[in-house]
Protein backbone atom coordinates (compact mmCIF):
# COMPACT_ATOMS: atom_id res chain seq x y z
CA MET A 1 72.34 185.83 72.40
CA LYS A 2 72.90 182.64 70.47
CA PRO A 3 76.64 182.43 71.21
CA VAL A 4 75.94 182.89 74.93
CA ARG A 5 73.39 180.08 74.88
CA ILE A 6 75.83 177.82 73.09
CA ILE A 7 78.54 178.53 75.68
CA PHE A 8 76.18 177.85 78.59
CA GLY A 9 75.03 174.67 76.89
CA LEU A 10 78.60 173.45 76.48
CA LEU A 11 79.40 174.26 80.11
CA GLY A 12 76.33 172.36 81.25
CA GLY A 13 77.37 169.33 79.20
CA VAL A 14 80.87 169.40 80.68
CA ILE A 15 79.45 169.62 84.20
CA LEU A 16 77.10 166.70 83.56
CA LEU A 17 79.89 164.60 82.08
CA SER A 18 82.17 165.42 85.02
CA ALA A 19 79.46 164.53 87.48
CA ALA A 20 78.84 161.27 85.69
CA TYR A 21 82.55 160.48 85.69
CA LEU A 22 82.90 161.30 89.37
CA GLY A 23 79.82 159.31 90.26
CA LEU A 24 78.08 162.36 91.71
CA GLY A 25 74.90 161.49 89.94
CA GLU A 26 74.48 158.16 91.78
CA PRO A 27 74.41 157.41 95.50
CA PRO A 28 77.52 155.70 96.91
CA ARG A 29 77.41 151.91 96.88
CA GLU A 30 77.31 150.24 100.25
CA VAL A 31 80.05 147.62 100.80
CA GLU A 32 81.20 145.46 103.70
CA THR A 33 84.68 145.82 105.08
CA ILE A 34 86.86 143.35 106.92
CA ALA A 35 89.80 144.09 109.19
CA VAL A 36 93.20 142.50 108.75
CA GLU A 37 93.61 140.41 111.91
CA ARG A 38 96.06 138.10 113.56
CA GLY A 39 95.22 134.44 113.91
CA ASP A 40 96.33 130.87 113.31
CA LEU A 41 96.47 129.21 109.89
CA GLU A 42 96.69 125.54 109.03
CA LEU A 43 97.14 123.96 105.61
CA VAL A 44 95.19 120.71 105.45
CA ILE A 45 95.16 117.98 102.80
CA ARG A 46 91.84 116.11 102.70
CA VAL A 47 91.77 112.56 101.37
CA THR A 48 89.76 109.38 101.81
CA GLY A 49 91.46 106.44 103.47
CA GLU A 50 90.69 102.75 103.92
CA VAL A 51 91.23 100.43 106.88
CA ILE A 52 93.74 97.76 105.84
CA ASN A 53 95.92 95.03 107.29
CA ASP A 54 98.80 93.57 105.30
CA ARG A 55 99.09 90.61 107.64
CA GLN A 56 96.58 88.26 106.03
CA VAL A 57 97.05 84.55 105.52
CA ALA A 58 95.20 81.80 103.69
CA LEU A 59 95.10 78.63 105.81
CA THR A 60 95.26 75.53 103.61
CA ALA A 61 94.96 71.80 104.17
CA LEU A 62 98.41 70.31 104.75
CA VAL A 63 97.42 66.78 103.72
CA ASP A 64 94.83 65.06 101.57
CA GLY A 65 91.81 63.90 103.52
CA GLN A 66 88.32 64.48 104.82
CA VAL A 67 87.49 67.43 107.07
CA LYS A 68 86.36 65.95 110.38
CA ARG A 69 85.88 69.10 112.51
CA VAL A 70 85.48 72.84 111.89
CA GLU A 71 86.15 74.73 115.11
CA THR A 72 85.53 78.33 114.03
CA ALA A 73 83.17 80.49 111.99
CA LEU A 74 83.23 83.54 109.74
CA GLY A 75 83.93 86.65 111.81
CA ALA A 76 85.18 84.71 114.83
CA ARG A 77 88.36 85.65 116.67
CA VAL A 78 91.01 82.98 117.13
CA ARG A 79 94.19 82.84 119.19
CA ALA A 80 97.66 81.89 117.98
CA GLY A 81 97.98 78.08 117.93
CA GLU A 82 94.24 77.48 118.22
CA VAL A 83 92.88 74.56 116.16
CA VAL A 84 90.40 75.88 113.59
CA ALA A 85 89.85 72.62 111.69
CA ALA A 86 90.88 68.96 111.90
CA MET A 87 91.12 66.21 109.31
CA ASP A 88 90.15 62.57 109.74
CA ASN A 89 93.36 61.31 111.36
CA ARG A 90 92.62 57.60 111.67
CA ALA A 91 95.14 56.60 109.01
CA ALA A 92 97.76 58.91 110.51
CA GLU A 93 97.14 57.47 113.98
CA ALA A 94 97.46 53.91 112.65
CA ASN A 95 100.74 54.79 110.94
CA ARG A 96 102.02 56.24 114.19
CA GLN A 97 101.13 53.11 116.15
CA ARG A 98 102.89 50.95 113.58
CA ALA A 99 105.98 53.19 113.66
CA LYS A 100 105.96 53.07 117.45
CA ALA A 101 105.80 49.27 117.46
CA TYR A 102 108.58 49.07 114.90
CA LEU A 103 110.74 51.36 117.03
CA GLN A 104 110.22 49.09 120.03
CA GLN A 105 111.16 46.10 117.90
CA GLN A 106 114.35 47.78 116.71
CA ASP A 107 115.16 48.81 120.27
CA VAL A 108 114.96 45.19 121.41
CA HIS A 109 117.12 44.08 118.50
CA ARG A 110 119.68 46.80 119.26
CA ARG A 111 119.88 45.76 122.90
CA GLU A 112 120.29 42.11 121.96
CA GLU A 113 123.15 42.92 119.59
CA LEU A 114 124.78 45.09 122.25
CA MET A 115 124.59 42.30 124.82
CA ARG A 116 126.05 39.78 122.34
CA TYR A 117 128.87 42.17 121.46
CA ARG A 118 129.77 42.71 125.13
CA ARG A 119 129.68 38.97 125.82
CA LEU A 120 132.06 38.30 122.96
CA GLN A 121 134.32 41.09 124.19
CA LYS A 122 134.77 39.22 127.48
CA LEU A 123 135.40 35.93 125.69
CA ALA A 124 137.85 37.59 123.30
CA ALA A 125 139.80 38.90 126.29
CA LYS A 126 140.32 35.25 127.37
CA GLY A 127 141.22 34.19 123.84
CA ALA A 128 138.07 32.10 123.46
CA VAL A 129 136.69 34.09 120.47
CA SER A 130 138.44 35.15 117.31
CA THR A 131 138.92 38.76 116.35
CA GLU A 132 136.76 38.23 113.26
CA LYS A 133 133.81 37.10 115.38
CA LEU A 134 134.20 40.11 117.65
CA GLU A 135 134.30 42.53 114.69
CA GLU A 136 131.23 40.88 113.19
CA ALA A 137 129.34 41.32 116.47
CA LYS A 138 130.36 44.95 116.65
CA LEU A 139 129.13 45.60 113.11
CA ASN A 140 125.82 43.88 113.88
CA TRP A 141 125.39 46.05 116.96
CA GLU A 142 126.17 49.23 115.00
CA ALA A 143 123.74 48.22 112.23
CA ALA A 144 121.02 47.54 114.80
CA SER A 145 121.69 50.93 116.41
CA ALA A 146 121.39 52.65 113.01
CA ALA A 147 118.12 50.84 112.30
CA TRP A 148 116.86 51.97 115.69
CA GLU A 149 117.73 55.61 114.83
CA VAL A 150 115.86 55.27 111.53
CA ALA A 151 112.84 53.89 113.37
CA LYS A 152 112.97 56.86 115.76
CA ALA A 153 113.00 59.27 112.83
CA ASP A 154 110.07 57.43 111.23
CA LEU A 155 108.09 57.81 114.45
CA SER A 156 108.88 61.53 114.49
CA LEU A 157 107.58 61.79 110.92
CA THR A 158 104.31 60.17 111.95
CA ASP A 159 104.05 62.76 114.74
CA VAL A 160 104.44 65.48 112.13
CA ALA A 161 101.86 63.78 109.89
CA ARG A 162 99.46 63.57 112.81
CA GLU A 163 100.02 67.26 113.63
CA TRP A 164 99.34 68.13 110.00
CA GLN A 165 95.86 66.70 110.43
CA GLN A 166 95.09 69.83 112.46
CA VAL A 167 94.92 73.33 110.99
CA ARG A 168 96.00 75.99 113.51
CA ALA A 169 95.89 79.78 113.53
CA PRO A 170 99.44 81.17 113.17
CA PHE A 171 98.63 84.36 115.14
CA ASP A 172 95.79 86.13 116.92
CA ALA A 173 93.35 86.86 114.13
CA VAL A 174 89.83 87.33 112.82
CA VAL A 175 88.35 84.85 110.35
CA ILE A 176 87.38 86.87 107.26
CA GLY A 177 86.98 83.93 104.88
CA LYS A 178 85.70 80.36 105.31
CA SER A 179 85.48 77.85 102.46
CA THR A 180 85.16 74.41 104.05
CA GLU A 181 82.60 72.26 105.85
CA VAL A 182 82.64 69.04 107.85
CA GLY A 183 82.78 65.99 105.59
CA GLN A 184 84.42 67.78 102.67
CA TRP A 185 87.24 65.92 100.94
CA VAL A 186 90.17 68.22 100.27
CA GLU A 187 93.61 67.93 98.77
CA ALA A 188 96.76 69.34 100.30
CA GLY A 189 96.93 73.04 99.46
CA THR A 190 93.16 73.60 99.36
CA LYS A 191 92.27 76.93 101.01
CA LEU A 192 90.09 76.47 104.08
CA PHE A 193 90.15 79.88 105.82
CA THR A 194 91.42 83.43 105.40
CA LEU A 195 92.65 85.15 108.55
CA VAL A 196 93.63 88.74 109.22
CA SER A 197 95.77 89.66 112.20
CA LEU A 198 94.25 91.46 115.18
CA ALA A 199 97.40 93.58 115.33
CA ARG A 200 98.80 96.09 112.83
CA TRP A 201 95.50 97.44 111.53
CA GLU A 202 96.24 100.63 109.62
CA ILE A 203 94.63 103.29 107.47
CA GLU A 204 95.95 103.75 103.95
CA ALA A 205 95.24 106.71 101.68
CA HIS A 206 96.31 107.70 98.17
CA VAL A 207 97.51 111.32 98.08
CA ASP A 208 98.01 113.41 94.94
CA ALA A 209 101.67 113.34 93.93
CA VAL A 210 101.80 117.16 93.82
CA ASP A 211 101.62 117.07 97.62
CA SER A 212 104.54 114.65 98.01
CA GLY A 213 106.83 117.46 99.17
CA ARG A 214 104.41 118.51 101.91
CA VAL A 215 103.50 115.24 103.58
CA LYS A 216 105.96 114.04 106.25
CA THR A 217 105.95 111.23 108.77
CA GLY A 218 104.75 112.35 112.18
CA GLN A 219 102.28 114.92 110.85
CA ALA A 220 98.99 115.06 112.75
CA VAL A 221 95.87 113.64 111.11
CA VAL A 222 92.23 114.12 112.09
CA VAL A 223 90.13 111.04 111.28
CA ARG A 224 86.36 110.84 110.79
CA CYS A 225 84.03 108.09 109.62
CA ASP A 226 80.48 108.38 108.30
CA ALA A 227 79.55 105.30 110.31
CA PHE A 228 80.22 107.29 113.50
CA PRO A 229 78.75 110.77 112.85
CA GLY A 230 79.96 113.58 115.06
CA ARG A 231 82.99 111.64 116.22
CA GLU A 232 86.59 112.43 115.35
CA TRP A 233 89.92 111.21 116.65
CA ARG A 234 93.59 111.79 115.97
CA SER A 235 96.43 109.81 114.48
CA SER A 236 99.69 110.63 112.69
CA VAL A 237 101.43 109.72 109.45
CA SER A 238 103.60 106.66 110.08
CA TRP A 239 104.68 105.61 106.57
CA ILE A 240 105.01 107.19 103.13
CA GLY A 241 105.19 105.04 100.02
CA PRO A 242 108.51 104.98 98.14
CA SER A 243 107.04 105.44 94.67
CA VAL A 244 104.33 107.21 92.71
CA GLU A 245 101.48 105.09 91.39
CA ARG A 246 99.42 105.96 88.33
CA GLU A 247 95.66 105.53 88.52
CA LYS A 248 94.72 104.79 84.91
CA ASP A 249 91.01 105.52 85.15
CA LYS A 250 91.43 108.89 86.85
CA ARG A 251 94.74 109.71 85.18
CA LEU A 252 96.18 110.76 88.49
CA ASN A 253 99.61 110.20 89.97
CA THR A 254 99.37 109.35 93.65
CA PHE A 255 101.53 108.02 96.45
CA ARG A 256 100.47 105.92 99.41
CA VAL A 257 100.36 107.16 102.98
CA ARG A 258 99.67 105.06 106.07
CA LEU A 259 98.79 105.84 109.66
CA GLY A 260 97.71 103.90 112.72
CA LEU A 261 94.05 103.68 113.69
CA GLY A 262 94.74 106.47 116.18
CA GLU A 263 93.86 107.32 119.74
CA ALA A 264 90.68 105.59 121.00
CA PRO A 265 89.22 104.83 117.55
CA PRO A 266 85.71 103.40 117.16
CA PRO A 267 85.34 99.73 116.15
CA LEU A 268 86.29 100.07 112.50
CA LEU A 269 85.88 97.23 110.02
CA LEU A 270 88.46 96.00 107.55
CA GLY A 271 87.96 97.85 104.27
CA GLN A 272 85.92 100.64 105.88
CA GLN A 273 86.45 104.12 104.45
CA VAL A 274 87.41 107.09 106.60
CA ASP A 275 87.94 110.80 105.95
CA LEU A 276 91.40 112.18 106.71
CA GLU A 277 92.68 115.70 107.27
CA ILE A 278 96.48 115.78 107.15
CA ALA A 279 97.90 118.96 108.70
CA VAL A 280 100.94 119.64 106.52
CA ALA A 281 101.71 123.21 107.70
CA ARG A 282 100.70 125.53 110.52
CA ARG A 283 101.54 129.10 111.51
CA ASP A 284 100.27 130.82 114.62
CA GLY A 285 99.64 134.52 115.14
CA VAL A 286 100.04 135.65 111.54
CA LEU A 287 98.25 138.48 109.72
CA ARG A 288 95.40 137.03 107.72
CA LEU A 289 92.40 137.84 105.55
CA PRO A 290 89.53 135.71 104.26
CA PHE A 291 89.65 134.70 100.60
CA ALA A 292 86.45 136.74 100.10
CA ALA A 293 88.55 139.91 100.39
CA LEU A 294 91.01 139.02 97.62
CA GLN A 295 91.04 139.21 93.86
CA GLU A 296 93.69 138.22 91.32
CA ARG A 297 94.58 140.54 88.46
CA ASP A 298 97.62 140.58 86.20
CA GLU A 299 99.14 137.69 88.20
CA GLN A 300 98.93 139.76 91.38
CA ILE A 301 96.82 139.36 94.49
CA GLU A 302 94.97 142.58 95.30
CA VAL A 303 92.69 143.97 97.97
CA ALA A 304 90.25 146.87 97.67
CA LEU A 305 90.84 149.75 100.09
CA ILE A 306 88.62 152.79 100.61
CA GLU A 307 90.30 156.18 100.33
CA ALA A 308 88.20 159.36 100.51
CA GLY A 309 85.09 157.32 99.90
CA ARG A 310 86.41 155.65 96.74
CA VAL A 311 87.72 152.19 95.85
CA HIS A 312 91.47 151.89 95.53
CA TYR A 313 93.29 148.61 94.79
CA GLN A 314 96.55 147.57 96.39
CA ALA A 315 98.73 144.55 95.65
CA ILE A 316 99.77 142.36 98.58
CA GLU A 317 102.03 139.37 99.12
CA THR A 318 100.33 136.27 100.51
CA GLY A 319 101.71 133.18 102.21
CA LEU A 320 100.16 130.10 103.78
CA GLU A 321 96.62 129.31 102.70
CA GLY A 322 94.08 127.74 105.01
CA ASP A 323 90.51 126.67 104.34
CA THR A 324 88.98 130.15 104.55
CA HIS A 325 91.87 132.55 105.20
CA VAL A 326 95.25 133.37 103.72
CA GLU A 327 98.37 134.78 105.33
CA VAL A 328 99.23 138.41 104.51
CA LYS A 329 103.02 138.69 104.37
CA GLN A 330 103.42 142.21 102.97
CA GLY A 331 101.28 145.15 101.91
CA LEU A 332 98.90 145.57 104.86
CA GLU A 333 99.11 146.30 108.56
CA GLU A 334 97.01 144.80 111.32
CA GLY A 335 93.65 146.52 111.71
CA VAL A 336 93.47 147.95 108.19
CA ARG A 337 90.01 147.44 106.74
CA VAL A 338 89.50 146.13 103.21
CA VAL A 339 86.38 145.60 101.10
CA ARG A 340 84.73 142.20 101.11
CA LEU A 341 84.56 141.45 97.38
CA ASP A 342 83.06 137.95 97.36
CA GLY A 343 84.42 137.40 93.86
CA GLU A 344 83.06 140.69 92.47
CA SER A 345 85.39 143.21 90.85
CA LEU A 346 84.59 146.83 91.72
CA ASP A 347 85.70 149.60 89.40
CA PRO A 348 88.60 151.68 90.71
CA GLY A 349 87.35 155.06 91.90
CA LEU A 350 83.83 153.81 92.58
CA ARG A 351 82.11 155.81 95.34
CA VAL A 352 81.30 153.53 98.26
CA ASN A 353 80.09 153.65 101.83
CA ALA A 354 81.80 151.23 104.20
CA ARG A 355 79.66 148.92 106.27
CA ILE A 356 81.73 147.33 108.99
CA GLU A 357 81.30 143.59 109.25
CA PRO A 358 80.76 142.55 112.88
């Protein structure tokens, strides 16, 4: 009887081991499944941008003197040609009056010399005046005319000097810096105001250099700003920097990208930060799966299928990656259901029950 018992014992052990191997001793594990579907995919680069304007100018005093009037304030808008400050112009006005009087004096002298020259011309025609006297009169008239021209130029210079007493905005702008007050004595070249143009406001962002081959001018950009929650608007890439810049602190290589403020933007401030989503690629109507259904093993992308109630892995070829989904280029057909792994690796052959995700 002992040999029979030994045989039955061995058979029982084999059966138990087989059952354990086949998972018959445990209930099937419940898993969620997801269907391969068709949909749209968009690859987006997310960066932070800043509102900038390259057209800034420092307005300086053009002459030495005392500030007599300040016609604008910090944050004010000014028009092209508008006077924003004026110097004490009394000395300049006095110089102009003197130059004007001197011009009148030279004009009288020029006319007198012209009249004398013409009178001698008539006398010379009758032989009553020598040629030398006539030539001398002509030279005197020409010298007086030259002096009159110099006096005219001097008067023009005083007009320029008087104009320099006023500081004007070169273009429509906003005053973003003010460093002068009435009564202040300044030297020529002293900065009085900083202006930024009302036109050509842009958004600039620094994009990782690895994306330089993806970003193109004309690509659509979605813009958001924390100062205006719930609001978004659209713009497009208008300029790409010609070189890569190294950020020493972060040890990153980046390149600059610029875009306009966009369609109907909110009232953004210079230097304000905005969030950008640059759409660098898009494909419509492609087969896709969520990343939660994928796993990477041996440098391959795999999905878990269920065959006869057991897990079976299959390699697939993927394409464009979006935020939550990836394109399936080869390996699966539309409608095929795969296991939602959520980063977990299930053993091949594991008994499972499929729960269909709604």
